[in-house]
Protein backbone atom coordinates (compact mmCIF):
# COMPACT_ATOMS: atom_id res chain seq x y z
CA ARG A 1 1.07 -15.22 -22.66
CA SER A 2 -2.66 -14.99 -22.28
CA ARG A 3 -5.11 -15.88 -24.97
CA GLY A 4 -8.85 -15.97 -24.97
CA PRO A 5 -10.75 -19.22 -24.71
CA ILE A 6 -11.44 -21.22 -27.84
CA MET A 7 -15.07 -21.35 -28.92
CA TYR A 8 -16.91 -24.54 -29.92
CA SER A 9 -20.29 -24.25 -31.60
CA SER A 10 -23.10 -26.22 -33.18
CA THR A 11 -26.58 -25.43 -34.48
CA THR A 12 -29.62 -27.67 -34.02
CA SER A 13 -33.24 -26.83 -34.88
CA GLY A 14 -32.51 -23.12 -35.30
CA VAL A 15 -30.65 -22.83 -32.00
CA LYS A 16 -26.91 -22.11 -32.04
CA VAL A 17 -24.90 -23.08 -28.94
CA GLU A 18 -21.40 -21.70 -28.37
CA VAL A 19 -19.13 -22.94 -25.58
CA SER A 20 -15.82 -21.52 -24.32
CA PRO A 21 -14.00 -23.68 -21.73
CA LEU A 22 -11.19 -22.28 -19.61
CA TYR A 23 -8.93 -24.02 -17.08
CA GLN A 24 -9.14 -22.36 -13.66
CA GLU A 25 -5.70 -22.69 -12.14
CA ASP A 26 -6.68 -20.75 -9.01
CA ARG A 27 -9.54 -23.16 -8.22
CA SER A 28 -7.60 -26.33 -9.08
CA ARG A 29 -5.48 -28.46 -6.74
CA PRO A 30 -3.43 -30.80 -8.96
CA GLU A 31 -1.68 -32.31 -5.93
CA LYS A 32 -5.13 -33.45 -4.74
CA LYS A 33 -6.20 -34.61 -8.22
CA TYR A 34 -8.71 -31.76 -8.52
CA PHE A 35 -8.78 -29.87 -11.82
CA TYR A 36 -11.44 -27.22 -12.39
CA TRP A 37 -12.72 -25.73 -15.64
CA SER A 38 -15.20 -22.94 -16.12
CA PHE A 39 -17.16 -22.60 -19.32
CA ASP A 40 -19.43 -19.98 -20.80
CA ILE A 41 -22.37 -21.12 -22.89
CA THR A 42 -24.22 -18.76 -25.21
CA ILE A 43 -27.53 -19.89 -26.68
CA HIS A 44 -28.68 -18.00 -29.79
CA ASN A 45 -32.32 -18.33 -30.86
CA LEU A 46 -32.02 -18.07 -34.65
CA GLY A 47 -35.66 -18.99 -35.16
CA GLU A 48 -38.92 -17.06 -35.38
CA VAL A 49 -40.57 -18.24 -32.14
CA LYS A 50 -39.67 -17.86 -28.48
CA ILE A 51 -38.11 -20.89 -26.80
CA TYR A 52 -37.95 -21.93 -23.16
CA LEU A 53 -35.00 -23.90 -21.77
CA THR A 54 -36.35 -26.59 -19.46
CA SER A 55 -33.50 -29.04 -18.75
CA ARG A 56 -29.94 -30.14 -19.44
CA HIS A 57 -28.08 -33.43 -19.74
CA TRP A 58 -24.28 -33.31 -19.56
CA ILE A 59 -21.98 -36.17 -20.49
CA VAL A 60 -18.44 -35.80 -19.14
CA HIS A 61 -15.46 -38.11 -19.67
CA ASP A 62 -12.19 -37.74 -17.79
CA GLU A 63 -8.90 -38.71 -19.44
CA ASN A 64 -9.29 -42.26 -18.10
CA GLU A 65 -12.66 -42.49 -19.92
CA LYS A 66 -14.59 -42.49 -16.63
CA LEU A 67 -18.11 -41.32 -17.48
CA TYR A 68 -20.11 -38.79 -15.47
CA GLU A 69 -23.67 -37.79 -16.35
CA ILE A 70 -25.44 -34.76 -14.94
CA HIS A 71 -29.17 -34.14 -15.35
CA GLY A 72 -30.97 -31.07 -14.13
CA SER A 73 -33.57 -28.45 -14.80
CA GLY A 74 -32.52 -25.38 -16.76
CA VAL A 75 -28.96 -24.16 -16.51
CA THR A 76 -27.33 -22.96 -13.29
CA GLY A 77 -30.70 -22.49 -11.61
CA SER A 78 -32.29 -20.63 -14.50
CA GLN A 79 -34.88 -21.65 -17.09
CA PRO A 80 -34.63 -18.75 -19.53
CA LEU A 81 -37.16 -17.73 -22.14
CA ILE A 82 -35.22 -16.71 -25.25
CA LYS A 83 -37.04 -14.55 -27.76
CA PRO A 84 -36.47 -14.82 -31.53
CA LYS A 85 -33.10 -13.41 -32.62
CA GLU A 86 -31.97 -13.03 -28.98
CA SER A 87 -29.30 -14.82 -26.96
CA PHE A 88 -28.74 -16.03 -23.42
CA THR A 89 -25.31 -16.53 -21.83
CA HIS A 90 -24.48 -18.29 -18.60
CA ALA A 91 -21.34 -19.49 -16.85
CA SER A 92 -20.81 -22.87 -15.27
CA GLY A 93 -17.99 -25.14 -14.19
CA CYS A 94 -16.81 -28.72 -14.00
CA PRO A 95 -14.25 -30.39 -11.72
CA LEU A 96 -12.34 -33.50 -12.78
CA ALA A 97 -9.89 -35.82 -11.05
CA THR A 98 -7.64 -35.85 -14.15
CA PRO A 99 -5.80 -33.04 -15.99
CA SER A 100 -7.95 -33.45 -19.09
CA GLY A 101 -11.29 -34.68 -20.31
CA ARG A 102 -14.19 -33.70 -22.50
CA MET A 103 -17.83 -32.74 -22.21
CA ARG A 104 -20.93 -32.57 -24.41
CA GLY A 105 -24.61 -32.30 -23.77
CA ILE A 106 -28.22 -31.90 -24.72
CA LEU A 107 -30.42 -28.93 -23.83
CA ARG A 108 -34.17 -29.52 -23.88
CA PHE A 109 -36.44 -26.67 -24.92
CA LEU A 110 -40.14 -26.04 -25.33
CA ASP A 111 -41.31 -23.84 -28.19
CA GLN A 112 -44.21 -21.42 -27.87
CA ASP A 113 -46.64 -24.27 -28.68
CA ARG A 114 -45.10 -26.27 -25.77
CA ILE A 115 -43.56 -28.80 -28.14
CA ALA A 116 -40.30 -30.21 -26.72
CA PHE A 117 -37.12 -30.42 -28.78
CA ASP A 118 -33.49 -31.14 -28.02
CA VAL A 119 -30.45 -29.05 -28.96
CA ARG A 120 -26.97 -30.51 -29.09
CA VAL A 121 -24.14 -28.90 -27.15
CA PRO A 122 -20.95 -29.59 -29.11
CA GLU A 123 -18.26 -31.70 -27.52
CA PHE A 124 -15.51 -29.53 -26.07
CA PRO A 125 -12.21 -30.50 -24.45
CA PHE A 126 -10.90 -29.85 -20.98
CA THR A 127 -7.13 -29.78 -21.47
CA HIS A 128 -4.46 -28.75 -19.01
CA THR A 129 -0.79 -29.46 -19.39
CA ILE A 130 1.12 -29.99 -16.17
CA ALA A 131 4.65 -28.66 -16.25
CA PRO A 132 7.28 -31.34 -15.56
């Protein structure tokens, strides 16, 4: 029984962000407390000016409420320029030591006048049920 990933989305300042997390059973090692999720993020520029993604800030909680924060430039080594009415998609991943957790974030952009603004990435769950 296979079903596609569930999509989570939010729109901030004319930028829509959609996220689809998916548990990666083949990359996970539950016996070693290593659970891996991939996620696709699509960024839609709904505005009238080009935008440039400069950095990201991820906030991750495992099921024990342990907090992890990740800061970095761009996304997965890229700092895309997204033209009006265009989109950019990239894939990433996140390991956890617990079978579930959640993640959210902020993406920082510059507009064509080099004015910085932040876009919210909606919170999305990492959920995996271990068979008894």
